[in-house]
Amino acid sequence: MKIPYAIINTDLDGFLSGLLLHHFLGTEIVGFSDSGKTIWKREDVDWDDCTFIDMYVVPRQIKTLCNHM
């Protein structure tokens, strides 16, 4: 599996997931979410290239790995 860019949740399991993905797959962490209303993302990375980690995201076209559902 290849996950080039990730946006992670700012809780403990989000950070741990990000660390594991970076270590084992070389995933670059390019953003963070507070599970509420805010997402911080590097401006030079396109949304379509990102996978959301440890977050439930509704639209089907958004890539996500979530342990909450």
Protein backbone atom coordinates (compact mmCIF):
# COMPACT_ATOMS: atom_id res chain seq x y z
CA MET A 1 0.00 0.00 0.00
CA LYS A 2 1.30 3.47 -0.86
CA ILE A 3 0.15 6.53 1.06
CA PRO A 4 2.34 9.44 -0.08
CA TYR A 5 0.68 12.22 1.95
CA ALA A 6 -1.42 12.06 5.09
CA ILE A 7 -3.49 14.39 7.22
CA ILE A 8 -3.65 13.01 10.74
CA ASN A 9 -5.95 13.58 13.69
CA THR A 10 -4.42 15.44 16.63
CA ASP A 11 -5.16 12.79 19.24
CA LEU A 12 -2.88 10.03 20.50
CA ASP A 13 -3.93 7.31 18.06
CA GLY A 14 -3.73 9.81 15.18
CA PHE A 15 -0.15 10.68 16.06
CA LEU A 16 0.81 7.03 16.57
CA SER A 17 -0.76 6.07 13.24
CA GLY A 18 1.13 8.90 11.55
CA LEU A 19 4.41 7.78 13.10
CA LEU A 20 3.89 4.17 11.98
CA LEU A 21 2.91 5.18 8.43
CA HIS A 22 5.93 7.48 8.17
CA HIS A 23 8.32 4.87 9.53
CA PHE A 24 7.12 1.85 7.57
CA LEU A 25 5.71 3.38 4.35
CA GLY A 26 7.54 6.70 4.10
CA THR A 27 4.28 8.64 4.30
CA GLU A 28 4.76 12.39 4.61
CA ILE A 29 2.53 14.06 7.21
CA VAL A 30 1.28 17.22 5.50
CA GLY A 31 -1.59 18.26 7.74
CA PHE A 32 -3.56 17.91 10.94
CA SER A 33 -7.21 17.95 11.98
CA ASP A 34 -8.76 18.64 15.37
CA SER A 35 -11.75 16.35 14.65
CA GLY A 36 -13.95 19.40 14.70
CA LYS A 37 -14.04 22.26 12.26
CA THR A 38 -10.37 22.86 11.49
CA ILE A 39 -7.91 21.21 9.12
CA TRP A 40 -4.39 22.54 8.69
CA LYS A 41 -2.66 21.43 5.44
CA ARG A 42 0.49 22.42 3.61
CA GLU A 43 -0.48 24.66 0.72
CA ASP A 44 1.83 22.98 -1.81
CA VAL A 45 0.06 19.58 -1.53
CA ASP A 46 -3.17 18.89 -3.43
CA TRP A 47 -6.20 17.60 -1.48
CA ASP A 48 -6.60 14.70 -3.94
CA ASP A 49 -3.15 13.36 -2.99
CA CYS A 50 -3.95 13.22 0.75
CA THR A 51 -5.30 10.38 2.84
CA PHE A 52 -7.05 11.26 6.10
CA ILE A 53 -5.80 9.10 8.99
CA ASP A 54 -7.86 8.30 12.10
CA MET A 55 -10.83 10.37 10.94
CA TYR A 56 -14.26 9.48 9.66
CA VAL A 57 -14.77 11.39 6.40
CA VAL A 58 -18.14 11.23 4.67
CA PRO A 59 -17.59 11.98 0.94
CA ARG A 60 -16.65 8.78 -0.89
CA GLN A 61 -14.08 10.50 -3.12
CA ILE A 62 -11.91 11.33 -0.08
CA LYS A 63 -9.38 8.66 0.90
CA THR A 64 -9.42 7.78 4.59
CA LEU A 65 -8.22 5.16 7.06
CA CYS A 66 -10.38 5.26 10.16
CA ASN A 67 -10.70 3.11 13.25
CA HIS A 68 -13.81 4.87 14.58
CA MET A 69 -16.52 3.22 12.48
